């Protein structure tokens, strides 16, 4: 049941770039990366993601569910065509960066805690270095 909820989040909200629908899967007092941001805060997060990568998409490669937890290994793809509406999104790495027009493919792991049919807690680990390398914003040392 919890895995089905996360699949719906990705398929009905995130992969359709719909911030309102995506946020509706979260509890009113949801925690994101150890901070209470609530549903309204999650909507702002999704808006920032979609403003930066308008074709933002997740493909689930693997998932595990146990108790109230769902862990997903995903590949995020998107084309850098905008700027974040929240400067702190992507750890601030893309704040003020003009769109590069480049497409990225980024490995991510997402950890969800579900209660009462809603996501109450979320955290993720992303390959942000890989993302900025693909965007050409940093160079590999030689």
C-alpha atoms as a PDB file:
ATOM      1  CA  UNK A   1       0.000   0.000   0.000  1.00  0.00           C
ATOM      2  CA  UNK A   2       2.796   2.463   0.871  1.00  0.00           C
ATOM      3  CA  UNK A   3       4.697   1.601  -2.323  1.00  0.00           C
ATOM      4  CA  UNK A   4       1.527   2.269  -4.316  1.00  0.00           C
ATOM      5  CA  UNK A   5       1.266   5.735  -2.726  1.00  0.00           C
ATOM      6  CA  UNK A   6       4.821   6.593  -3.775  1.00  0.00           C
ATOM      7  CA  UNK A   7       4.174   5.309  -7.302  1.00  0.00           C
ATOM      8  CA  UNK A   8       1.144   7.592  -7.456  1.00  0.00           C
ATOM      9  CA  UNK A   9       3.246  10.548  -6.237  1.00  0.00           C
ATOM     10  CA  UNK A  10       5.707  10.017  -9.078  1.00  0.00           C
ATOM     11  CA  UNK A  11       3.183   9.133 -11.802  1.00  0.00           C
ATOM     12  CA  UNK A  12       0.280  11.455 -10.993  1.00  0.00           C
ATOM     13  CA  UNK A  13       2.202  14.448  -9.666  1.00  0.00           C
ATOM     14  CA  UNK A  14       5.933  14.725 -10.213  1.00  0.00           C
ATOM     15  CA  UNK A  15       6.163  13.176 -13.676  1.00  0.00           C
ATOM     16  CA  UNK A  16       3.332  15.435 -14.833  1.00  0.00           C
ATOM     17  CA  UNK A  17       5.144  18.460 -13.348  1.00  0.00           C
ATOM     18  CA  UNK A  18       2.100  19.264 -11.211  1.00  0.00           C
ATOM     19  CA  UNK A  19       3.256  20.884  -7.968  1.00  0.00           C
ATOM     20  CA  UNK A  20      -0.216  21.012  -6.393  1.00  0.00           C
ATOM     21  CA  UNK A  21      -0.942  17.335  -7.027  1.00  0.00           C
ATOM     22  CA  UNK A  22       2.567  16.330  -5.895  1.00  0.00           C
ATOM     23  CA  UNK A  23       2.247  18.296  -2.653  1.00  0.00           C
ATOM     24  CA  UNK A  24      -1.194  16.814  -1.935  1.00  0.00           C
ATOM     25  CA  UNK A  25       0.491  13.462  -1.188  1.00  0.00           C
ATOM     26  CA  UNK A  26       2.204  15.077   1.814  1.00  0.00           C
ATOM     27  CA  UNK A  27       0.780  15.683   5.296  1.00  0.00           C
ATOM     28  CA  UNK A  28      -0.004  19.230   6.429  1.00  0.00           C
ATOM     29  CA  UNK A  29       2.973  19.046   8.820  1.00  0.00           C
ATOM     30  CA  UNK A  30       5.331  17.027   6.606  1.00  0.00           C
ATOM     31  CA  UNK A  31       9.050  16.954   7.303  1.00  0.00           C
ATOM     32  CA  UNK A  32      11.495  17.384   4.421  1.00  0.00           C
ATOM     33  CA  UNK A  33      15.208  16.868   5.091  1.00  0.00           C
ATOM     34  CA  UNK A  34      14.652  17.069   8.883  1.00  0.00           C
ATOM     35  CA  UNK A  35      12.721  20.371   8.685  1.00  0.00           C
ATOM     36  CA  UNK A  36       8.989  20.818   9.078  1.00  0.00           C
ATOM     37  CA  UNK A  37       7.891  22.402   5.802  1.00  0.00           C
ATOM     38  CA  UNK A  38       4.350  21.085   5.527  1.00  0.00           C
ATOM     39  CA  UNK A  39       2.335  20.540   2.392  1.00  0.00           C
ATOM     40  CA  UNK A  40       2.649  24.210   1.403  1.00  0.00           C
ATOM     41  CA  UNK A  41       6.433  24.020   1.679  1.00  0.00           C
ATOM     42  CA  UNK A  42       6.517  20.871  -0.434  1.00  0.00           C
ATOM     43  CA  UNK A  43       4.494  22.639  -3.110  1.00  0.00           C
ATOM     44  CA  UNK A  44       7.168  25.364  -3.202  1.00  0.00           C
ATOM     45  CA  UNK A  45       9.880  22.689  -3.486  1.00  0.00           C
ATOM     46  CA  UNK A  46       8.107  21.086  -6.439  1.00  0.00           C
ATOM     47  CA  UNK A  47       7.533  24.468  -8.085  1.00  0.00           C
ATOM     48  CA  UNK A  48      11.265  25.181  -7.764  1.00  0.00           C
ATOM     49  CA  UNK A  49      12.184  21.810  -9.281  1.00  0.00           C
ATOM     50  CA  UNK A  50       9.785  22.240 -12.192  1.00  0.00           C
ATOM     51  CA  UNK A  51      10.844  25.862 -12.822  1.00  0.00           C
ATOM     52  CA  UNK A  52      14.429  24.673 -13.205  1.00  0.00           C
ATOM     53  CA  UNK A  53      13.757  21.466 -15.158  1.00  0.00           C
ATOM     54  CA  UNK A  54      10.330  21.826 -16.841  1.00  0.00           C
ATOM     55  CA  UNK A  55      10.504  18.249 -18.149  1.00  0.00           C
ATOM     56  CA  UNK A  56      11.588  16.849 -14.748  1.00  0.00           C
ATOM     57  CA  UNK A  57      10.981  13.077 -14.589  1.00  0.00           C
ATOM     58  CA  UNK A  58      11.726  10.234 -12.188  1.00  0.00           C
ATOM     59  CA  UNK A  59      12.144   6.604 -13.232  1.00  0.00           C
ATOM     60  CA  UNK A  60      12.068   4.176 -10.319  1.00  0.00           C
ATOM     61  CA  UNK A  61      14.841   1.628 -10.692  1.00  0.00           C
ATOM     62  CA  UNK A  62      14.377  -0.147  -7.373  1.00  0.00           C
ATOM     63  CA  UNK A  63      12.210   0.213  -4.307  1.00  0.00           C
ATOM     64  CA  UNK A  64      11.999  -1.370  -0.905  1.00  0.00           C
ATOM     65  CA  UNK A  65       9.199  -1.057   1.614  1.00  0.00           C
ATOM     66  CA  UNK A  66       9.214  -2.126   5.226  1.00  0.00           C
ATOM     67  CA  UNK A  67       6.790  -0.943   7.864  1.00  0.00           C
ATOM     68  CA  UNK A  68       6.093   2.755   7.333  1.00  0.00           C
ATOM     69  CA  UNK A  69       9.185   3.304   5.131  1.00  0.00           C
ATOM     70  CA  UNK A  70       9.623   3.259   1.354  1.00  0.00           C
ATOM     71  CA  UNK A  71      13.097   3.676  -0.130  1.00  0.00           C
ATOM     72  CA  UNK A  72      13.445   4.298  -3.871  1.00  0.00           C
ATOM     73  CA  UNK A  73      16.468   4.325  -6.143  1.00  0.00           C
ATOM     74  CA  UNK A  74      15.507   6.628  -8.987  1.00  0.00           C
ATOM     75  CA  UNK A  75      17.008   8.257 -12.033  1.00  0.00           C
ATOM     76  CA  UNK A  76      15.996  11.890 -12.415  1.00  0.00           C
ATOM     77  CA  UNK A  77      16.128  13.289 -15.915  1.00  0.00           C
ATOM     78  CA  UNK A  78      15.456  16.793 -17.053  1.00  0.00           C
ATOM     79  CA  UNK A  79      16.589  19.659 -19.238  1.00  0.00           C
ATOM     80  CA  UNK A  80      17.989  22.747 -17.520  1.00  0.00           C
ATOM     81  CA  UNK A  81      15.713  25.384 -19.064  1.00  0.00           C
ATOM     82  CA  UNK A  82      14.964  27.684 -16.118  1.00  0.00           C
ATOM     83  CA  UNK A  83      16.043  28.987 -12.749  1.00  0.00           C
ATOM     84  CA  UNK A  84      14.905  27.792  -9.332  1.00  0.00           C
ATOM     85  CA  UNK A  85      12.140  29.778  -7.661  1.00  0.00           C
ATOM     86  CA  UNK A  86      13.791  28.838  -4.335  1.00  0.00           C
ATOM     87  CA  UNK A  87      17.518  29.651  -4.233  1.00  0.00           C
ATOM     88  CA  UNK A  88      18.253  26.851  -1.735  1.00  0.00           C
ATOM     89  CA  UNK A  89      16.919  24.077  -3.986  1.00  0.00           C
ATOM     90  CA  UNK A  90      19.742  21.771  -5.202  1.00  0.00           C
ATOM     91  CA  UNK A  91      21.753  23.054  -2.209  1.00  0.00           C
ATOM     92  CA  UNK A  92      21.939  26.449  -3.924  1.00  0.00           C
ATOM     93  CA  UNK A  93      24.134  25.069  -6.724  1.00  0.00           C
ATOM     94  CA  UNK A  94      21.839  26.436  -9.455  1.00  0.00           C
ATOM     95  CA  UNK A  95      20.871  29.744  -7.827  1.00  0.00           C
ATOM     96  CA  UNK A  96      21.517  32.540 -10.328  1.00  0.00           C
ATOM     97  CA  UNK A  97      22.801  30.112 -12.966  1.00  0.00           C
ATOM     98  CA  UNK A  98      21.432  30.902 -16.436  1.00  0.00           C
ATOM     99  CA  UNK A  99      19.738  27.924 -18.113  1.00  0.00           C
ATOM    100  CA  UNK A 100      22.262  25.769 -19.939  1.00  0.00           C
ATOM    101  CA  UNK A 101      19.763  23.919 -22.119  1.00  0.00           C
ATOM    102  CA  UNK A 102      21.574  20.701 -21.197  1.00  0.00           C
ATOM    103  CA  UNK A 103      19.857  17.456 -20.275  1.00  0.00           C
ATOM    104  CA  UNK A 104      20.914  15.624 -17.119  1.00  0.00           C
ATOM    105  CA  UNK A 105      20.500  12.122 -15.759  1.00  0.00           C
ATOM    106  CA  UNK A 106      21.010  12.009 -11.997  1.00  0.00           C
ATOM    107  CA  UNK A 107      21.016   9.077  -9.582  1.00  0.00           C
ATOM    108  CA  UNK A 108      18.980   9.736  -6.424  1.00  0.00           C
ATOM    109  CA  UNK A 109      17.778   7.806  -3.376  1.00  0.00           C
ATOM    110  CA  UNK A 110      14.560   8.888  -1.670  1.00  0.00           C
ATOM    111  CA  UNK A 111      13.407   7.819   1.786  1.00  0.00           C
ATOM    112  CA  UNK A 112       9.711   8.285   2.587  1.00  0.00           C
ATOM    113  CA  UNK A 113       7.838   7.675   5.838  1.00  0.00           C
ATOM    114  CA  UNK A 114       4.121   7.168   5.349  1.00  0.00           C
ATOM    115  CA  UNK A 115       1.343   7.429   7.931  1.00  0.00           C
ATOM    116  CA  UNK A 116      -2.400   7.560   7.438  1.00  0.00           C
ATOM    117  CA  UNK A 117      -2.063   7.375   3.665  1.00  0.00           C
ATOM    118  CA  UNK A 118       0.140  10.488   3.485  1.00  0.00           C
ATOM    119  CA  UNK A 119       3.856  11.142   3.311  1.00  0.00           C
ATOM    120  CA  UNK A 120       4.886  12.525   6.686  1.00  0.00           C
ATOM    121  CA  UNK A 121       8.637  12.562   6.182  1.00  0.00           C
ATOM    122  CA  UNK A 122      11.015  12.652   3.212  1.00  0.00           C
ATOM    123  CA  UNK A 123      14.751  12.891   2.678  1.00  0.00           C
ATOM    124  CA  UNK A 124      16.921  12.303  -0.380  1.00  0.00           C
ATOM    125  CA  UNK A 125      20.511  11.814  -1.369  1.00  0.00           C
ATOM    126  CA  UNK A 126      21.311  13.048  -4.862  1.00  0.00           C
ATOM    127  CA  UNK A 127      24.380  13.063  -7.059  1.00  0.00           C
ATOM    128  CA  UNK A 128      24.449  16.862  -7.282  1.00  0.00           C
ATOM    129  CA  UNK A 129      28.131  16.843  -8.289  1.00  0.00           C
ATOM    130  CA  UNK A 130      27.270  14.609 -11.234  1.00  0.00           C
ATOM    131  CA  UNK A 131      24.465  17.008 -12.136  1.00  0.00           C
ATOM    132  CA  UNK A 132      26.661  20.129 -12.186  1.00  0.00           C
ATOM    133  CA  UNK A 133      29.337  18.234 -14.138  1.00  0.00           C
ATOM    134  CA  UNK A 134      26.726  17.300 -16.764  1.00  0.00           C
ATOM    135  CA  UNK A 135      25.582  20.920 -16.893  1.00  0.00           C
ATOM    136  CA  UNK A 136      29.165  22.041 -17.486  1.00  0.00           C
ATOM    137  CA  UNK A 137      29.175  24.239 -14.368  1.00  0.00           C
ATOM    138  CA  UNK A 138      32.299  22.583 -12.942  1.00  0.00           C
ATOM    139  CA  UNK A 139      35.152  20.716 -14.594  1.00  0.00           C
ATOM    140  CA  UNK A 140      36.740  17.477 -13.510  1.00  0.00           C
ATOM    141  CA  UNK A 141      40.288  17.920 -12.191  1.00  0.00           C
ATOM    142  CA  UNK A 142      42.900  16.706 -14.648  1.00  0.00           C
END
